[in-house]
PDB file of N, CA and C in Angstrom:
ATOM      1  N   MET A   1    -146.406-163.148  -0.084  1.00  0.00           N
ATOM      2  CA  MET A   1    -147.228-164.083   0.641  1.00  0.00           C
ATOM      3  C   MET A   1    -148.595-163.443   0.855  1.00  0.00           C
ATOM      4  N   LYS A   2    -149.642-164.222   0.662  1.00  0.00           N
ATOM      5  CA  LYS A   2    -151.000-163.735   0.874  1.00  0.00           C
ATOM      6  C   LYS A   2    -151.512-164.225   2.218  1.00  0.00           C
ATOM      7  N   LEU A   3    -152.170-163.327   2.931  1.00  0.00           N
ATOM      8  CA  LEU A   3    -152.747-163.646   4.231  1.00  0.00           C
ATOM      9  C   LEU A   3    -154.229-163.331   4.217  1.00  0.00           C
ATOM     10  N   ASN A   4    -154.971-164.097   4.967  1.00  0.00           N
ATOM     11  CA  ASN A   4    -156.378-163.826   5.199  1.00  0.00           C
ATOM     12  C   ASN A   4    -156.491-163.430   6.663  1.00  0.00           C
ATOM     13  N   LEU A   5    -156.778-162.157   6.924  1.00  0.00           N
ATOM     14  CA  LEU A   5    -156.943-161.687   8.292  1.00  0.00           C
ATOM     15  C   LEU A   5    -158.372-162.003   8.714  1.00  0.00           C
ATOM     16  N   LEU A   6    -158.508-162.830   9.742  1.00  0.00           N
ATOM     17  CA  LEU A   6    -159.814-163.357  10.122  1.00  0.00           C
ATOM     18  C   LEU A   6    -160.550-162.488  11.134  1.00  0.00           C
ATOM     19  N   SER A   7    -159.875-162.104  12.204  1.00  0.00           N
ATOM     20  CA  SER A   7    -160.533-161.337  13.254  1.00  0.00           C
ATOM     21  C   SER A   7    -159.494-160.705  14.164  1.00  0.00           C
ATOM     22  N   CYS A   8    -159.972-159.798  15.003  1.00  0.00           N
ATOM     23  CA  CYS A   8    -159.117-159.166  16.003  1.00  0.00           C
ATOM     24  C   CYS A   8    -159.750-159.441  17.362  1.00  0.00           C
ATOM     25  N   ASP A   9    -159.028-160.130  18.232  1.00  0.00           N
ATOM     26  CA  ASP A   9    -159.562-160.540  19.526  1.00  0.00           C
ATOM     27  C   ASP A   9    -159.175-159.623  20.668  1.00  0.00           C
ATOM     28  N   ALA A  10    -158.578-158.486  20.364  1.00  0.00           N
ATOM     29  CA  ALA A  10    -158.170-157.557  21.422  1.00  0.00           C
ATOM     30  C   ALA A  10    -159.409-156.957  22.082  1.00  0.00           C
ATOM     31  N   PRO A  11    -159.384-156.822  23.397  1.00  0.00           N
ATOM     32  CA  PRO A  11    -160.544-156.243  24.084  1.00  0.00           C
ATOM     33  C   PRO A  11    -160.809-154.793  23.665  1.00  0.00           C
ATOM     34  N   ARG A  12    -159.755-154.031  23.431  1.00  0.00           N
ATOM     35  CA  ARG A  12    -159.876-152.649  22.956  1.00  0.00           C
ATOM     36  C   ARG A  12    -158.895-152.459  21.797  1.00  0.00           C
ATOM     37  N   PRO A  13    -159.289-152.857  20.585  1.00  0.00           N
ATOM     38  CA  PRO A  13    -158.361-152.793  19.450  1.00  0.00           C
ATOM     39  C   PRO A  13    -157.966-151.349  19.124  1.00  0.00           C
ATOM     40  N   ASP A  14    -156.710-151.171  18.794  1.00  0.00           N
ATOM     41  CA  ASP A  14    -156.160-149.869  18.427  1.00  0.00           C
ATOM     42  C   ASP A  14    -156.206-149.735  16.908  1.00  0.00           C
ATOM     43  N   ARG A  15    -157.206-149.029  16.408  1.00  0.00           N
ATOM     44  CA  ARG A  15    -157.411-148.891  14.962  1.00  0.00           C
ATOM     45  C   ARG A  15    -156.184-148.301  14.276  1.00  0.00           C
ATOM     46  N   ARG A  16    -155.607-147.282  14.881  1.00  0.00           N
ATOM     47  CA  ARG A  16    -154.459-146.611  14.273  1.00  0.00           C
ATOM     48  C   ARG A  16    -153.259-147.541  14.175  1.00  0.00           C
ATOM     49  N   ALA A  17    -153.020-148.345  15.221  1.00  0.00           N
ATOM     50  CA  ALA A  17    -151.892-149.283  15.211  1.00  0.00           C
ATOM     51  C   ALA A  17    -152.099-150.378  14.168  1.00  0.00           C
ATOM     52  N   ILE A  18    -153.333-150.839  14.019  1.00  0.00           N
ATOM     53  CA  ILE A  18    -153.618-151.879  13.027  1.00  0.00           C
ATOM     54  C   ILE A  18    -153.408-151.332  11.622  1.00  0.00           C
ATOM     55  N   ALA A  19    -153.918-150.142  11.350  1.00  0.00           N
ATOM     56  CA  ALA A  19    -153.746-149.531  10.029  1.00  0.00           C
ATOM     57  C   ALA A  19    -152.267-149.279   9.740  1.00  0.00           C
ATOM     58  N   LYS A  20    -151.533-148.796  10.728  1.00  0.00           N
ATOM     59  CA  LYS A  20    -150.097-148.539  10.548  1.00  0.00           C
ATOM     60  C   LYS A  20    -149.354-149.842  10.263  1.00  0.00           C
ATOM     61  N   CYS A  21    -149.724-150.909  10.944  1.00  0.00           N
ATOM     62  CA  CYS A  21    -149.110-152.213  10.720  1.00  0.00           C
ATOM     63  C   CYS A  21    -149.353-152.672   9.282  1.00  0.00           C
ATOM     64  N   MET A  22    -150.582-152.517   8.791  1.00  0.00           N
ATOM     65  CA  MET A  22    -150.898-152.912   7.418  1.00  0.00           C
ATOM     66  C   MET A  22    -150.074-152.127   6.412  1.00  0.00           C
ATOM     67  N   ILE A  23    -149.908-150.823   6.646  1.00  0.00           N
ATOM     68  CA  ILE A  23    -149.124-149.989   5.738  1.00  0.00           C
ATOM     69  C   ILE A  23    -147.676-150.473   5.694  1.00  0.00           C
ATOM     70  N   GLU A  24    -147.140-150.842   6.848  1.00  0.00           N
ATOM     71  CA  GLU A  24    -145.742-151.255   6.927  1.00  0.00           C
ATOM     72  C   GLU A  24    -145.480-152.619   6.304  1.00  0.00           C
ATOM     73  N   ILE A  25    -146.409-153.560   6.446  1.00  0.00           N
ATOM     74  CA  ILE A  25    -146.133-154.924   5.991  1.00  0.00           C
ATOM     75  C   ILE A  25    -146.652-155.230   4.593  1.00  0.00           C
ATOM     76  N   CYS A  26    -147.600-154.450   4.093  1.00  0.00           N
ATOM     77  CA  CYS A  26    -148.187-154.736   2.777  1.00  0.00           C
ATOM     78  C   CYS A  26    -147.383-154.102   1.666  1.00  0.00           C
ATOM     79  N   SER A  27    -147.454-154.728   0.500  1.00  0.00           N
ATOM     80  CA  SER A  27    -146.653-154.272  -0.631  1.00  0.00           C
ATOM     81  C   SER A  27    -147.160-152.970  -1.233  1.00  0.00           C
ATOM     82  N   ASN A  28    -148.448-152.829  -1.408  1.00  0.00           N
ATOM     83  CA  ASN A  28    -148.972-151.608  -2.037  1.00  0.00           C
ATOM     84  C   ASN A  28    -150.315-151.246  -1.413  1.00  0.00           C
ATOM     85  N   ILE A  29    -150.246-150.489  -0.340  1.00  0.00           N
ATOM     86  CA  ILE A  29    -151.459-150.096   0.357  1.00  0.00           C
ATOM     87  C   ILE A  29    -151.293-148.654   0.834  1.00  0.00           C
ATOM     88  N   SER A  30    -152.340-147.864   0.666  1.00  0.00           N
ATOM     89  CA  SER A  30    -152.301-146.464   1.083  1.00  0.00           C
ATOM     90  C   SER A  30    -152.893-146.334   2.490  1.00  0.00           C
ATOM     91  N   GLY A  31    -152.748-145.174   3.053  1.00  0.00           N
ATOM     92  CA  GLY A  31    -153.275-144.930   4.396  1.00  0.00           C
ATOM     93  C   GLY A  31    -154.787-145.036   4.459  1.00  0.00           C
ATOM     94  N   SER A  32    -155.474-144.484   3.452  1.00  0.00           N
ATOM     95  CA  SER A  32    -156.934-144.532   3.464  1.00  0.00           C
ATOM     96  C   SER A  32    -157.440-145.960   3.269  1.00  0.00           C
ATOM     97  N   LEU A  33    -156.778-146.733   2.416  1.00  0.00           N
ATOM     98  CA  LEU A  33    -157.172-148.127   2.229  1.00  0.00           C
ATOM     99  C   LEU A  33    -156.918-148.934   3.498  1.00  0.00           C
ATOM    100  N   ALA A  34    -155.816-148.671   4.163  1.00  0.00           N
ATOM    101  CA  ALA A  34    -155.516-149.367   5.417  1.00  0.00           C
ATOM    102  C   ALA A  34    -156.584-149.063   6.467  1.00  0.00           C
ATOM    103  N   ASN A  35    -157.044-147.815   6.526  1.00  0.00           N
ATOM    104  CA  ASN A  35    -158.105-147.460   7.475  1.00  0.00           C
ATOM    105  C   ASN A  35    -159.409-148.166   7.140  1.00  0.00           C
ATOM    106  N   GLU A  36    -159.750-148.243   5.848  1.00  0.00           N
ATOM    107  CA  GLU A  36    -160.962-148.952   5.429  1.00  0.00           C
ATOM    108  C   GLU A  36    -160.882-150.437   5.774  1.00  0.00           C
ATOM    109  N   LEU A  37    -159.733-151.055   5.475  1.00  0.00           N
ATOM    110  CA  LEU A  37    -159.563-152.477   5.769  1.00  0.00           C
ATOM    111  C   LEU A  37    -159.611-152.741   7.276  1.00  0.00           C
ATOM    112  N   THR A  38    -159.066-151.824   8.058  1.00  0.00           N
ATOM    113  CA  THR A  38    -159.118-151.958   9.519  1.00  0.00           C
ATOM    114  C   THR A  38    -160.560-151.927  10.000  1.00  0.00           C
ATOM    115  N   ASP A  39    -161.357-151.013   9.470  1.00  0.00           N
ATOM    116  CA  ASP A  39    -162.769-150.943   9.853  1.00  0.00           C
ATOM    117  C   ASP A  39    -163.506-152.230   9.486  1.00  0.00           C
ATOM    118  N   ILE A  40    -163.235-152.744   8.294  1.00  0.00           N
ATOM    119  CA  ILE A  40    -163.874-153.992   7.852  1.00  0.00           C
ATOM    120  C   ILE A  40    -163.485-155.144   8.773  1.00  0.00           C
ATOM    121  N   LEU A  41    -162.203-155.232   9.113  1.00  0.00           N
ATOM    122  CA  LEU A  41    -161.724-156.292   9.995  1.00  0.00           C
ATOM    123  C   LEU A  41    -162.378-156.205  11.367  1.00  0.00           C
ATOM    124  N   LEU A  42    -162.462-155.010  11.919  1.00  0.00           N
ATOM    125  CA  LEU A  42    -163.017-154.847  13.265  1.00  0.00           C
ATOM    126  C   LEU A  42    -164.530-155.026  13.299  1.00  0.00           C
ATOM    127  N   GLU A  43    -165.186-154.919  12.140  1.00  0.00           N
ATOM    128  CA  GLU A  43    -166.619-155.206  12.064  1.00  0.00           C
ATOM    129  C   GLU A  43    -166.885-156.706  12.050  1.00  0.00           C
ATOM    130  N   GLY A  44    -165.835-157.509  11.845  1.00  0.00           N
ATOM    131  CA  GLY A  44    -165.990-158.954  11.901  1.00  0.00           C
ATOM    132  C   GLY A  44    -165.823-159.678  10.587  1.00  0.00           C
ATOM    133  N   ASP A  45    -165.537-158.958   9.508  1.00  0.00           N
ATOM    134  CA  ASP A  45    -165.344-159.588   8.207  1.00  0.00           C
ATOM    135  C   ASP A  45    -163.863-159.854   7.963  1.00  0.00           C
ATOM    136  N   ALA A  46    -163.576-160.953   7.287  1.00  0.00           N
ATOM    137  CA  ALA A  46    -162.197-161.304   6.945  1.00  0.00           C
ATOM    138  C   ALA A  46    -161.742-160.476   5.748  1.00  0.00           C
ATOM    139  N   ILE A  47    -160.430-160.186   5.703  1.00  0.00           N
ATOM    140  CA  ILE A  47    -159.857-159.447   4.577  1.00  0.00           C
ATOM    141  C   ILE A  47    -158.602-160.163   4.103  1.00  0.00           C
ATOM    142  N   ASP A  48    -158.290-159.993   2.825  1.00  0.00           N
ATOM    143  CA  ASP A  48    -157.076-160.565   2.230  1.00  0.00           C
ATOM    144  C   ASP A  48    -156.070-159.456   2.019  1.00  0.00           C
ATOM    145  N   ILE A  49    -154.815-159.718   2.390  1.00  0.00           N
ATOM    146  CA  ILE A  49    -153.734-158.767   2.137  1.00  0.00           C
ATOM    147  C   ILE A  49    -152.544-159.530   1.574  1.00  0.00           C
ATOM    148  N   GLU A  50    -151.662-158.810   0.915  1.00  0.00           N
ATOM    149  CA  GLU A  50    -150.425-159.400   0.413  1.00  0.00           C
ATOM    150  C   GLU A  50    -149.259-158.760   1.150  1.00  0.00           C
ATOM    151  N   VAL A  51    -148.430-159.595   1.758  1.00  0.00           N
ATOM    152  CA  VAL A  51    -147.309-159.126   2.566  1.00  0.00           C
ATOM    153  C   VAL A  51    -146.031-159.209   1.747  1.00  0.00           C
ATOM    154  N   ASP A  52    -145.195-158.167   1.845  1.00  0.00           N
ATOM    155  CA  ASP A  52    -143.882-158.190   1.193  1.00  0.00           C
ATOM    156  C   ASP A  52    -143.069-159.355   1.738  1.00  0.00           C
ATOM    157  N   ASP A  53    -142.325-160.016   0.862  1.00  0.00           N
ATOM    158  CA  ASP A  53    -141.510-161.148   1.298  1.00  0.00           C
ATOM    159  C   ASP A  53    -140.460-160.747   2.322  1.00  0.00           C
ATOM    160  N   LYS A  54    -139.940-159.528   2.219  1.00  0.00           N
ATOM    161  CA  LYS A  54    -138.921-159.087   3.160  1.00  0.00           C
ATOM    162  C   LYS A  54    -139.499-158.789   4.545  1.00  0.00           C
ATOM    163  N   ASN A  55    -140.814-158.584   4.638  1.00  0.00           N
ATOM    164  CA  ASN A  55    -141.452-158.241   5.899  1.00  0.00           C
ATOM    165  C   ASN A  55    -142.265-159.387   6.501  1.00  0.00           C
ATOM    166  N   THR A  56    -142.121-160.576   5.992  1.00  0.00           N
ATOM    167  CA  THR A  56    -142.987-161.671   6.401  1.00  0.00           C
ATOM    168  C   THR A  56    -142.896-161.979   7.885  1.00  0.00           C
ATOM    169  N   ALA A  57    -141.724-162.257   8.401  1.00  0.00           N
ATOM    170  CA  ALA A  57    -141.581-162.649   9.808  1.00  0.00           C
ATOM    171  C   ALA A  57    -141.984-161.526  10.746  1.00  0.00           C
ATOM    172  N   SER A  58    -141.508-160.327  10.483  1.00  0.00           N
ATOM    173  CA  SER A  58    -141.858-159.206  11.363  1.00  0.00           C
ATOM    174  C   SER A  58    -143.333-158.852  11.235  1.00  0.00           C
ATOM    175  N   GLY A  59    -143.898-159.014  10.042  1.00  0.00           N
ATOM    176  CA  GLY A  59    -145.317-158.743   9.839  1.00  0.00           C
ATOM    177  C   GLY A  59    -146.206-159.696  10.603  1.00  0.00           C
ATOM    178  N   LEU A  60    -145.874-160.974  10.561  1.00  0.00           N
ATOM    179  CA  LEU A  60    -146.662-161.968  11.297  1.00  0.00           C
ATOM    180  C   LEU A  60    -146.561-161.732  12.799  1.00  0.00           C
ATOM    181  N   ARG A  61    -145.395-161.364  13.252  1.00  0.00           N
ATOM    182  CA  ARG A  61    -145.194-161.072  14.674  1.00  0.00           C
ATOM    183  C   ARG A  61    -146.022-159.845  15.086  1.00  0.00           C
ATOM    184  N   ALA A  62    -146.041-158.830  14.246  1.00  0.00           N
ATOM    185  CA  ALA A  62    -146.815-157.617  14.534  1.00  0.00           C
ATOM    186  C   ALA A  62    -148.312-157.922  14.580  1.00  0.00           C
ATOM    187  N   LEU A  63    -148.785-158.772  13.677  1.00  0.00           N
ATOM    188  CA  LEU A  63    -150.200-159.142  13.683  1.00  0.00           C
ATOM    189  C   LEU A  63    -150.570-159.902  14.951  1.00  0.00           C
ATOM    190  N   ARG A  64    -149.699-160.807  15.379  1.00  0.00           N
ATOM    191  CA  ARG A  64    -149.965-161.544  16.621  1.00  0.00           C
ATOM    192  C   ARG A  64    -149.972-160.607  17.820  1.00  0.00           C
ATOM    193  N   LYS A  65    -149.091-159.632  17.823  1.00  0.00           N
ATOM    194  CA  LYS A  65    -149.010-158.668  18.928  1.00  0.00           C
ATOM    195  C   LYS A  65    -150.292-157.836  19.013  1.00  0.00           C
ATOM    196  N   LEU A  66    -150.914-157.573  17.869  1.00  0.00           N
ATOM    197  CA  LEU A  66    -152.162-156.812  17.830  1.00  0.00           C
ATOM    198  C   LEU A  66    -153.393-157.702  18.026  1.00  0.00           C
ATOM    199  N   SER A  67    -153.190-158.975  18.342  1.00  0.00           N
ATOM    200  CA  SER A  67    -154.261-159.961  18.573  1.00  0.00           C
ATOM    201  C   SER A  67    -155.121-160.184  17.330  1.00  0.00           C
ATOM    202  N   ILE A  68    -154.473-160.202  16.169  1.00  0.00           N
ATOM    203  CA  ILE A  68    -155.184-160.446  14.917  1.00  0.00           C
ATOM    204  C   ILE A  68    -154.952-161.896  14.506  1.00  0.00           C
ATOM    205  N   ASP A  69    -156.053-162.624  14.331  1.00  0.00           N
ATOM    206  CA  ASP A  69    -155.980-164.003  13.850  1.00  0.00           C
ATOM    207  C   ASP A  69    -155.874-163.981  12.337  1.00  0.00           C
ATOM    208  N   TYR A  70    -155.007-164.836  11.799  1.00  0.00           N
ATOM    209  CA  TYR A  70    -154.786-164.855  10.358  1.00  0.00           C
ATOM    210  C   TYR A  70    -154.549-166.289   9.907  1.00  0.00           C
ATOM    211  N   GLU A  71    -154.687-166.493   8.599  1.00  0.00           N
ATOM    212  CA  GLU A  71    -154.299-167.749   7.987  1.00  0.00           C
ATOM    213  C   GLU A  71    -153.495-167.439   6.741  1.00  0.00           C
ATOM    214  N   ILE A  72    -152.514-168.272   6.466  1.00  0.00           N
ATOM    215  CA  ILE A  72    -151.645-168.084   5.312  1.00  0.00           C
ATOM    216  C   ILE A  72    -152.317-168.738   4.105  1.00  0.00           C
ATOM    217  N   ILE A  73    -152.494-167.976   3.045  1.00  0.00           N
ATOM    218  CA  ILE A  73    -153.118-168.505   1.827  1.00  0.00           C
ATOM    219  C   ILE A  73    -152.043-169.030   0.890  1.00  0.00           C
ATOM    220  N   GLU A  74    -151.002-168.250   0.659  1.00  0.00           N
ATOM    221  CA  GLU A  74    -149.887-168.654  -0.211  1.00  0.00           C
ATOM    222  C   GLU A  74    -148.592-168.286   0.447  1.00  0.00           C
TER     223      GLU A  74
END
């Protein structure tokens, strides 16, 4: 499933938790790429990620817990 991460509305976003979440839910993402994508997201730009089918429900729940707005592309 493809997701478009739109923004993070947390008053004090936890960069490390967001990057760790991306590593856990995405199919092929490294730690350095997750950190780069986290920085891009927190700067206000949307990013596209692909979530493993087995992690879809828990991944969406984790994103909501981190106050990340997303839209489902596929």
